[in-house]
Amino acid sequence: MSPMSPTLILIRHAQALHNVDKDYDIPDPLLSELGINQCQELKENLERLPLAKEVGLIVVSPMRRTIQTAMLSLPWLIERGVPVLLDAGWQENSDKPCDTGSPLPDLSTAFPTLDFRPVDPLYPNKTDPAGANPYRFDKRAVLARGQACLRALHSRPEKVIAVVSHSGFLRCAVSGTRYANADYRVFEFEEGPEGAGERRLWLREWKETEETGGGMGRSERGRADVEEKDFPREEDEIPKGEEGEVLRVEEEVVQEAPV
């Protein structure tokens, strides 16, 4: 991979209110009291990490819990003048209330020091137009979004970029690894094998975070690939009879639990 490609510090948000009791009907939840404390621990850890001192850009999912995590964990970088880029591409996968963002005017009021103008005006819509929304909750859209996010960072001039995002999106579409709340992993870019069309971008994790289960040591070790239960069945995967009627499937498909 080109030496110009930045190193990525991928951070999962701290514990939010929907994580406490698995109440996924809470709209765009804020951090819990524990989550706020986790941010302080994460801040202290990153301040000791030499690589973090070289961060030249902070990319943040425009959901409340990720914004809070960035502002509470990385204030020393923000105060130094490192820009914060809010990017809808890094939002969570599902379309449940807890994984659907707030209207941009509401966020601008809640976080007045941040610039929400770069955020895709389609945000937080995940459903319209039907079948064409890039943030829709299906496997093809989420994986395509992951590649789009990586390509947007791949050619940037910064040496190190910190990203604050979500466990489901990071695992399924970006790094293939699990993240505990307020934990992080460090990656370098790699290009996938040549094939038809554009090369797929891959990430190679630093041994320092791979072997310890994240920079905070809280995350599950090893690969965590996409599973059938992570996404709803797509139309061409649903069994049909000879006349095209949908056949009853005995085993329920469990969609990804919001994280």
C-alpha atoms as a PDB file:
ATOM      1  CA  MET A   1       0.000   0.000   0.000  1.00  0.00           C
ATOM      2  CA  SER A   2       1.153   3.505  -0.749  1.00  0.00           C
ATOM      3  CA  PRO A   3       3.017   5.154   2.151  1.00  0.00           C
ATOM      4  CA  MET A   4       0.669   8.105   1.604  1.00  0.00           C
ATOM      5  CA  SER A   5      -2.305   6.164   2.923  1.00  0.00           C
ATOM      6  CA  PRO A   6      -3.167   7.250   6.467  1.00  0.00           C
ATOM      7  CA  THR A   7      -3.125   5.035   9.515  1.00  0.00           C
ATOM      8  CA  LEU A   8      -6.610   4.675  11.010  1.00  0.00           C
ATOM      9  CA  ILE A   9      -7.574   4.619  14.682  1.00  0.00           C
ATOM     10  CA  LEU A  10     -11.074   3.132  14.654  1.00  0.00           C
ATOM     11  CA  ILE A  11     -13.016   3.867  17.851  1.00  0.00           C
ATOM     12  CA  ARG A  12     -16.374   2.528  18.969  1.00  0.00           C
ATOM     13  CA  HIS A  13     -18.589   4.883  20.964  1.00  0.00           C
ATOM     14  CA  ALA A  14     -18.855   4.498  24.732  1.00  0.00           C
ATOM     15  CA  GLN A  15     -21.853   2.841  26.350  1.00  0.00           C
ATOM     16  CA  ALA A  16     -25.113   4.572  25.388  1.00  0.00           C
ATOM     17  CA  LEU A  17     -28.521   4.365  27.017  1.00  0.00           C
ATOM     18  CA  HIS A  18     -29.799   1.692  24.630  1.00  0.00           C
ATOM     19  CA  ASN A  19     -26.838  -0.551  25.546  1.00  0.00           C
ATOM     20  CA  VAL A  20     -27.801  -0.566  29.238  1.00  0.00           C
ATOM     21  CA  ASP A  21     -31.038  -2.571  29.017  1.00  0.00           C
ATOM     22  CA  LYS A  22     -31.001  -3.411  25.297  1.00  0.00           C
ATOM     23  CA  ASP A  23     -33.841  -0.962  24.718  1.00  0.00           C
ATOM     24  CA  TYR A  24     -33.505  -0.434  20.980  1.00  0.00           C
ATOM     25  CA  ASP A  25     -36.563   1.837  20.816  1.00  0.00           C
ATOM     26  CA  ILE A  26     -34.701   4.792  22.338  1.00  0.00           C
ATOM     27  CA  PRO A  27     -34.253   7.319  19.508  1.00  0.00           C
ATOM     28  CA  ASP A  28     -30.626   8.319  18.851  1.00  0.00           C
ATOM     29  CA  PRO A  29     -29.592   7.711  22.474  1.00  0.00           C
ATOM     30  CA  LEU A  30     -27.087   9.698  24.481  1.00  0.00           C
ATOM     31  CA  LEU A  31     -24.283   8.152  26.511  1.00  0.00           C
ATOM     32  CA  SER A  32     -25.044   6.546  29.852  1.00  0.00           C
ATOM     33  CA  GLU A  33     -23.288   7.608  33.049  1.00  0.00           C
ATOM     34  CA  LEU A  34     -20.947   4.635  32.617  1.00  0.00           C
ATOM     35  CA  GLY A  35     -20.335   5.677  29.017  1.00  0.00           C
ATOM     36  CA  ILE A  36     -19.264   9.155  30.123  1.00  0.00           C
ATOM     37  CA  ASN A  37     -16.808   7.577  32.560  1.00  0.00           C
ATOM     38  CA  GLN A  38     -15.539   5.265  29.812  1.00  0.00           C
ATOM     39  CA  CYS A  39     -14.749   8.317  27.700  1.00  0.00           C
ATOM     40  CA  GLN A  40     -12.445   9.621  30.411  1.00  0.00           C
ATOM     41  CA  GLU A  41     -10.627   6.279  30.525  1.00  0.00           C
ATOM     42  CA  LEU A  42     -10.349   6.255  26.738  1.00  0.00           C
ATOM     43  CA  LYS A  43      -9.051   9.833  26.753  1.00  0.00           C
ATOM     44  CA  GLU A  44      -6.323   8.966  29.252  1.00  0.00           C
ATOM     45  CA  ASN A  45      -5.311   5.900  27.225  1.00  0.00           C
ATOM     46  CA  LEU A  46      -5.121   7.766  23.920  1.00  0.00           C
ATOM     47  CA  GLU A  47      -3.179  10.648  25.453  1.00  0.00           C
ATOM     48  CA  ARG A  48      -0.452   8.106  26.274  1.00  0.00           C
ATOM     49  CA  LEU A  49      -0.493   6.655  22.734  1.00  0.00           C
ATOM     50  CA  PRO A  50       2.253   8.288  20.615  1.00  0.00           C
ATOM     51  CA  LEU A  51       0.306   7.604  17.415  1.00  0.00           C
ATOM     52  CA  ALA A  52      -2.688   9.592  18.657  1.00  0.00           C
ATOM     53  CA  LYS A  53      -0.563  12.718  18.927  1.00  0.00           C
ATOM     54  CA  GLU A  54      -0.196  12.569  15.125  1.00  0.00           C
ATOM     55  CA  VAL A  55      -3.948  12.570  14.401  1.00  0.00           C
ATOM     56  CA  GLY A  56      -4.702  15.197  11.754  1.00  0.00           C
ATOM     57  CA  LEU A  57      -8.431  14.562  11.275  1.00  0.00           C
ATOM     58  CA  ILE A  58     -11.271  13.241  13.427  1.00  0.00           C
ATOM     59  CA  VAL A  59     -14.141  11.638  11.477  1.00  0.00           C
ATOM     60  CA  VAL A  60     -17.345  11.117  13.428  1.00  0.00           C
ATOM     61  CA  SER A  61     -20.686   9.452  12.778  1.00  0.00           C
ATOM     62  CA  PRO A  62     -23.309  12.202  13.289  1.00  0.00           C
ATOM     63  CA  MET A  63     -25.192  10.240  15.936  1.00  0.00           C
ATOM     64  CA  ARG A  64     -25.425  11.615  19.456  1.00  0.00           C
ATOM     65  CA  ARG A  65     -23.452   8.843  21.146  1.00  0.00           C
ATOM     66  CA  THR A  66     -20.532   9.049  18.708  1.00  0.00           C
ATOM     67  CA  ILE A  67     -20.433  12.852  18.840  1.00  0.00           C
ATOM     68  CA  GLN A  68     -20.353  12.740  22.638  1.00  0.00           C
ATOM     69  CA  THR A  69     -17.618  10.104  22.588  1.00  0.00           C
ATOM     70  CA  ALA A  70     -15.466  12.186  20.261  1.00  0.00           C
ATOM     71  CA  MET A  71     -15.908  15.382  22.266  1.00  0.00           C
ATOM     72  CA  LEU A  72     -15.268  13.702  25.635  1.00  0.00           C
ATOM     73  CA  SER A  73     -12.412  11.402  24.526  1.00  0.00           C
ATOM     74  CA  LEU A  74     -10.539  13.622  22.089  1.00  0.00           C
ATOM     75  CA  PRO A  75     -10.870  17.180  23.494  1.00  0.00           C
ATOM     76  CA  TRP A  76      -7.108  17.588  23.665  1.00  0.00           C
ATOM     77  CA  LEU A  77      -6.930  17.074  19.885  1.00  0.00           C
ATOM     78  CA  ILE A  78      -9.954  19.287  19.169  1.00  0.00           C
ATOM     79  CA  GLU A  79      -8.560  22.076  21.355  1.00  0.00           C
ATOM     80  CA  ARG A  80      -5.297  21.810  19.422  1.00  0.00           C
ATOM     81  CA  GLY A  81      -7.228  22.585  16.231  1.00  0.00           C
ATOM     82  CA  VAL A  82      -7.603  19.100  14.716  1.00  0.00           C
ATOM     83  CA  PRO A  83     -10.708  19.347  12.492  1.00  0.00           C
ATOM     84  CA  VAL A  84     -13.816  17.259  13.170  1.00  0.00           C
ATOM     85  CA  LEU A  85     -15.574  15.924  10.059  1.00  0.00           C
ATOM     86  CA  LEU A  86     -19.111  14.642  10.599  1.00  0.00           C
ATOM     87  CA  ASP A  87     -19.822  11.951   7.996  1.00  0.00           C
ATOM     88  CA  ALA A  88     -23.153  10.127   7.626  1.00  0.00           C
ATOM     89  CA  GLY A  89     -21.344   7.234   5.976  1.00  0.00           C
ATOM     90  CA  TRP A  90     -20.053   6.074   9.369  1.00  0.00           C
ATOM     91  CA  GLN A  91     -23.491   5.772  11.023  1.00  0.00           C
ATOM     92  CA  GLU A  92     -24.780   2.442  12.372  1.00  0.00           C
ATOM     93  CA  ASN A  93     -26.361  -0.249  10.186  1.00  0.00           C
ATOM     94  CA  SER A  94     -29.899  -0.890  11.354  1.00  0.00           C
ATOM     95  CA  ASP A  95     -33.002   1.260  10.917  1.00  0.00           C
ATOM     96  CA  LYS A  96     -34.233   0.782  14.494  1.00  0.00           C
ATOM     97  CA  PRO A  97     -34.869   4.004  16.470  1.00  0.00           C
ATOM     98  CA  CYS A  98     -31.595   3.698  18.375  1.00  0.00           C
ATOM     99  CA  ASP A  99     -29.650   3.467  15.117  1.00  0.00           C
ATOM    100  CA  THR A 100     -31.474   6.252  13.301  1.00  0.00           C
ATOM    101  CA  GLY A 101     -30.036   9.720  13.740  1.00  0.00           C
ATOM    102  CA  SER A 102     -31.644  13.010  14.712  1.00  0.00           C
ATOM    103  CA  PRO A 103     -32.561  15.833  12.312  1.00  0.00           C
ATOM    104  CA  LEU A 104     -29.564  18.010  11.514  1.00  0.00           C
ATOM    105  CA  PRO A 105     -31.124  21.233  12.914  1.00  0.00           C
ATOM    106  CA  ASP A 106     -31.615  19.475  16.260  1.00  0.00           C
ATOM    107  CA  LEU A 107     -28.005  18.298  16.269  1.00  0.00           C
ATOM    108  CA  SER A 108     -26.722  21.759  15.397  1.00  0.00           C
ATOM    109  CA  THR A 109     -28.577  23.129  18.424  1.00  0.00           C
ATOM    110  CA  ALA A 110     -27.349  20.353  20.721  1.00  0.00           C
ATOM    111  CA  PHE A 111     -23.717  20.608  19.573  1.00  0.00           C
ATOM    112  CA  PRO A 112     -23.240  24.251  18.507  1.00  0.00           C
ATOM    113  CA  THR A 113     -19.442  24.066  18.280  1.00  0.00           C
ATOM    114  CA  LEU A 114     -19.578  21.516  15.458  1.00  0.00           C
ATOM    115  CA  ASP A 115     -20.123  22.148  11.755  1.00  0.00           C
ATOM    116  CA  PHE A 116     -22.934  19.965  10.380  1.00  0.00           C
ATOM    117  CA  ARG A 117     -22.890  21.502   6.886  1.00  0.00           C
ATOM    118  CA  PRO A 118     -20.766  18.669   5.376  1.00  0.00           C
ATOM    119  CA  VAL A 119     -23.294  16.015   6.486  1.00  0.00           C
ATOM    120  CA  ASP A 120     -25.299  14.501   3.642  1.00  0.00           C
ATOM    121  CA  PRO A 121     -28.696  16.315   3.712  1.00  0.00           C
ATOM    122  CA  LEU A 122     -30.352  12.919   3.237  1.00  0.00           C
ATOM    123  CA  TYR A 123     -29.381  12.113   6.844  1.00  0.00           C
ATOM    124  CA  PRO A 124     -31.019  10.681   8.961  1.00  0.00           C
ATOM    125  CA  ASN A 125     -33.301   9.118   6.322  1.00  0.00           C
ATOM    126  CA  LYS A 126     -32.533   5.416   5.749  1.00  0.00           C
ATOM    127  CA  THR A 127     -35.596   4.351   3.763  1.00  0.00           C
ATOM    128  CA  ASP A 128     -36.372   6.808   0.930  1.00  0.00           C
ATOM    129  CA  PRO A 129     -36.057   6.524  -1.960  1.00  0.00           C
ATOM    130  CA  ALA A 130     -36.888   2.841  -1.587  1.00  0.00           C
ATOM    131  CA  GLY A 131     -34.102   0.574  -2.798  1.00  0.00           C
ATOM    132  CA  ALA A 132     -31.805   3.486  -3.675  1.00  0.00           C
ATOM    133  CA  ASN A 133     -30.966   5.040  -0.316  1.00  0.00           C
ATOM    134  CA  PRO A 134     -27.220   4.523   0.339  1.00  0.00           C
ATOM    135  CA  TYR A 135     -27.903   4.230   4.081  1.00  0.00           C
ATOM    136  CA  ARG A 136     -30.619   1.586   3.809  1.00  0.00           C
ATOM    137  CA  PHE A 137     -30.387  -1.435   6.052  1.00  0.00           C
ATOM    138  CA  ASP A 138     -29.406  -4.262   3.760  1.00  0.00           C
ATOM    139  CA  LYS A 139     -26.157  -6.123   3.249  1.00  0.00           C
ATOM    140  CA  ARG A 140     -25.298  -4.751  -0.179  1.00  0.00           C
ATOM    141  CA  ALA A 141     -25.837  -1.148   0.845  1.00  0.00           C
ATOM    142  CA  VAL A 142     -23.901  -1.445   4.105  1.00  0.00           C
ATOM    143  CA  LEU A 143     -20.906  -3.175   2.499  1.00  0.00           C
ATOM    144  CA  ALA A 144     -20.860  -0.622  -0.320  1.00  0.00           C
ATOM    145  CA  ARG A 145     -20.991   2.163   2.253  1.00  0.00           C
ATOM    146  CA  GLY A 146     -18.014   0.667   4.059  1.00  0.00           C
ATOM    147  CA  GLN A 147     -15.937   0.707   0.898  1.00  0.00           C
ATOM    148  CA  ALA A 148     -17.040   4.265   0.144  1.00  0.00           C
ATOM    149  CA  CYS A 149     -15.941   5.369   3.605  1.00  0.00           C
ATOM    150  CA  LEU A 150     -12.554   3.716   3.223  1.00  0.00           C
ATOM    151  CA  ARG A 151     -11.995   5.210  -0.231  1.00  0.00           C
ATOM    152  CA  ALA A 152     -12.828   8.655   1.095  1.00  0.00           C
ATOM    153  CA  LEU A 153     -10.011   8.324   3.651  1.00  0.00           C
ATOM    154  CA  HIS A 154      -7.518   6.335   1.587  1.00  0.00           C
ATOM    155  CA  SER A 155      -6.172   9.278  -0.389  1.00  0.00           C
ATOM    156  CA  ARG A 156      -6.393  11.941   2.304  1.00  0.00           C
ATOM    157  CA  PRO A 157      -3.142  13.762   3.193  1.00  0.00           C
ATOM    158  CA  GLU A 158      -3.290  13.277   6.966  1.00  0.00           C
ATOM    159  CA  LYS A 159      -0.785  10.807   8.420  1.00  0.00           C
ATOM    160  CA  VAL A 160      -3.216   9.520  11.057  1.00  0.00           C
ATOM    161  CA  ILE A 161      -7.032   9.727  11.125  1.00  0.00           C
ATOM    162  CA  ALA A 162      -9.237   8.901  14.105  1.00  0.00           C
ATOM    163  CA  VAL A 163     -12.754   7.641  13.360  1.00  0.00           C
ATOM    164  CA  VAL A 164     -15.553   7.388  15.941  1.00  0.00           C
ATOM    165  CA  SER A 165     -18.222   4.993  14.719  1.00  0.00           C
ATOM    166  CA  HIS A 166     -20.275   1.921  15.677  1.00  0.00           C
ATOM    167  CA  SER A 167     -19.498  -1.728  16.345  1.00  0.00           C
ATOM    168  CA  GLY A 168     -21.938  -3.180  13.811  1.00  0.00           C
ATOM    169  CA  PHE A 169     -20.778  -0.998  10.935  1.00  0.00           C
ATOM    170  CA  LEU A 170     -17.092  -1.367  11.777  1.00  0.00           C
ATOM    171  CA  ARG A 171     -17.341  -5.149  12.078  1.00  0.00           C
ATOM    172  CA  CYS A 172     -19.514  -5.850   9.053  1.00  0.00           C
ATOM    173  CA  ALA A 173     -18.291  -3.263   6.569  1.00  0.00           C
ATOM    174  CA  VAL A 174     -14.886  -1.955   7.592  1.00  0.00           C
ATOM    175  CA  SER A 175     -12.549  -4.146   9.648  1.00  0.00           C
ATOM    176  CA  GLY A 176     -14.140  -7.546  10.346  1.00  0.00           C
ATOM    177  CA  THR A 177     -13.379  -7.282  14.061  1.00  0.00           C
ATOM    178  CA  ARG A 178     -15.428  -6.708  17.210  1.00  0.00           C
ATOM    179  CA  TYR A 179     -15.293  -3.623  19.400  1.00  0.00           C
ATOM    180  CA  ALA A 180     -16.315  -3.233  23.026  1.00  0.00           C
ATOM    181  CA  ASN A 181     -17.749   0.121  24.073  1.00  0.00           C
ATOM    182  CA  ALA A 182     -15.071   2.842  24.167  1.00  0.00           C
ATOM    183  CA  ASP A 183     -12.392   0.596  22.694  1.00  0.00           C
ATOM    184  CA  TYR A 184     -10.273   1.146  19.589  1.00  0.00           C
ATOM    185  CA  ARG A 185      -8.114  -0.649  17.067  1.00  0.00           C
ATOM    186  CA  VAL A 186      -5.345   0.612  14.765  1.00  0.00           C
ATOM    187  CA  PHE A 187      -5.148  -0.278  11.069  1.00  0.00           C
ATOM    188  CA  GLU A 188      -3.158   0.282   7.900  1.00  0.00           C
ATOM    189  CA  PHE A 189      -4.671   0.184   4.424  1.00  0.00           C
ATOM    190  CA  GLU A 190      -4.202  -2.737   2.051  1.00  0.00           C
ATOM    191  CA  GLU A 191      -5.556  -3.342  -1.430  1.00  0.00           C
ATOM    192  CA  GLY A 192      -7.456  -6.513  -2.173  1.00  0.00           C
ATOM    193  CA  PRO A 193      -6.727  -8.765  -5.184  1.00  0.00           C
ATOM    194  CA  GLU A 194      -7.258  -7.441  -8.675  1.00  0.00           C
ATOM    195  CA  GLY A 195     -10.535  -8.282 -10.328  1.00  0.00           C
ATOM    196  CA  ALA A 196     -13.300  -6.781 -12.353  1.00  0.00           C
ATOM    197  CA  GLY A 197     -13.838  -3.125 -11.586  1.00  0.00           C
ATOM    198  CA  GLU A 198     -12.321  -1.138  -8.731  1.00  0.00           C
ATOM    199  CA  ARG A 199     -10.009  -2.859  -6.260  1.00  0.00           C
ATOM    200  CA  ARG A 200     -11.506  -3.510  -2.853  1.00  0.00           C
ATOM    201  CA  LEU A 201      -9.752  -1.861   0.061  1.00  0.00           C
ATOM    202  CA  TRP A 202      -8.848  -3.925   3.100  1.00  0.00           C
ATOM    203  CA  LEU A 203      -7.396  -3.072   6.485  1.00  0.00           C
ATOM    204  CA  ARG A 204      -4.533  -4.773   8.312  1.00  0.00           C
ATOM    205  CA  GLU A 205      -4.603  -4.390  12.088  1.00  0.00           C
ATOM    206  CA  TRP A 206      -1.579  -3.490  14.126  1.00  0.00           C
ATOM    207  CA  LYS A 207      -0.419  -6.385  16.289  1.00  0.00           C
ATOM    208  CA  GLU A 208      -0.435  -4.071  19.299  1.00  0.00           C
ATOM    209  CA  THR A 209      -4.245  -3.905  19.260  1.00  0.00           C
ATOM    210  CA  GLU A 210      -4.935  -7.234  17.564  1.00  0.00           C
ATOM    211  CA  GLU A 211      -3.173  -9.324  20.192  1.00  0.00           C
ATOM    212  CA  THR A 212      -4.564  -7.457  23.195  1.00  0.00           C
ATOM    213  CA  GLY A 213      -8.205  -7.248  22.112  1.00  0.00           C
ATOM    214  CA  GLY A 214      -8.175  -3.554  21.262  1.00  0.00           C
ATOM    215  CA  GLY A 215      -6.234  -0.629  22.655  1.00  0.00           C
ATOM    216  CA  MET A 216      -8.220  -0.793  25.902  1.00  0.00           C
ATOM    217  CA  GLY A 217      -8.050  -4.597  25.996  1.00  0.00           C
ATOM    218  CA  ARG A 218     -11.839  -4.958  26.248  1.00  0.00           C
ATOM    219  CA  SER A 219     -12.708  -6.360  22.824  1.00  0.00           C
ATOM    220  CA  GLU A 220     -13.032  -9.918  21.599  1.00  0.00           C
ATOM    221  CA  ARG A 221      -9.939 -11.159  19.789  1.00  0.00           C
ATOM    222  CA  GLY A 222      -9.929 -12.641  16.293  1.00  0.00           C
ATOM    223  CA  ARG A 223     -11.932 -12.162  13.128  1.00  0.00           C
ATOM    224  CA  ALA A 224     -15.672 -11.524  13.217  1.00  0.00           C
ATOM    225  CA  ASP A 225     -17.079 -11.840   9.725  1.00  0.00           C
ATOM    226  CA  VAL A 226     -20.561 -10.960   8.501  1.00  0.00           C
ATOM    227  CA  GLU A 227     -23.207 -13.477   9.580  1.00  0.00           C
ATOM    228  CA  GLU A 228     -26.607 -14.245   8.086  1.00  0.00           C
ATOM    229  CA  LYS A 229     -28.354 -12.786  11.123  1.00  0.00           C
ATOM    230  CA  ASP A 230     -26.664  -9.404  10.677  1.00  0.00           C
ATOM    231  CA  PHE A 231     -29.011  -8.275   7.894  1.00  0.00           C
ATOM    232  CA  PRO A 232     -32.557  -8.829   6.673  1.00  0.00           C
ATOM    233  CA  ARG A 233     -32.931 -11.322   3.863  1.00  0.00           C
ATOM    234  CA  GLU A 234     -32.730  -9.702   0.469  1.00  0.00           C
ATOM    235  CA  GLU A 235     -35.467 -10.323  -2.076  1.00  0.00           C
ATOM    236  CA  ASP A 236     -33.391 -12.730  -4.160  1.00  0.00           C
ATOM    237  CA  GLU A 237     -32.571 -14.796  -1.022  1.00  0.00           C
ATOM    238  CA  ILE A 238     -36.172 -15.460   0.022  1.00  0.00           C
ATOM    239  CA  PRO A 239     -37.355 -18.964  -1.020  1.00  0.00           C
ATOM    240  CA  LYS A 240     -40.216 -18.892  -3.520  1.00  0.00           C
ATOM    241  CA  GLY A 241     -42.462 -21.524  -5.061  1.00  0.00           C
ATOM    242  CA  GLU A 242     -43.008 -22.205  -8.753  1.00  0.00           C
ATOM    243  CA  GLU A 243     -45.546 -19.398  -9.070  1.00  0.00           C
ATOM    244  CA  GLY A 244     -43.346 -16.941  -7.211  1.00  0.00           C
ATOM    245  CA  GLU A 245     -45.171 -17.079  -3.895  1.00  0.00           C
ATOM    246  CA  VAL A 246     -43.013 -16.712  -0.805  1.00  0.00           C
ATOM    247  CA  LEU A 247     -42.520 -20.007   1.002  1.00  0.00           C
ATOM    248  CA  ARG A 248     -42.700 -20.209   4.788  1.00  0.00           C
ATOM    249  CA  VAL A 249     -39.284 -20.380   6.389  1.00  0.00           C
ATOM    250  CA  GLU A 250     -39.236 -22.371   9.612  1.00  0.00           C
ATOM    251  CA  GLU A 251     -36.125 -20.775  11.061  1.00  0.00           C
ATOM    252  CA  GLU A 252     -36.591 -17.135  11.948  1.00  0.00           C
ATOM    253  CA  VAL A 253     -33.909 -14.809  10.635  1.00  0.00           C
ATOM    254  CA  VAL A 254     -32.707 -12.663  13.508  1.00  0.00           C
ATOM    255  CA  GLN A 255     -31.576  -9.217  12.372  1.00  0.00           C
ATOM    256  CA  GLU A 256     -28.509  -7.590  13.842  1.00  0.00           C
ATOM    257  CA  ALA A 257     -28.971  -6.261  17.343  1.00  0.00           C
ATOM    258  CA  PRO A 258     -28.152  -2.568  17.436  1.00  0.00           C
ATOM    259  CA  VAL A 259     -24.848  -1.708  19.005  1.00  0.00           C
END
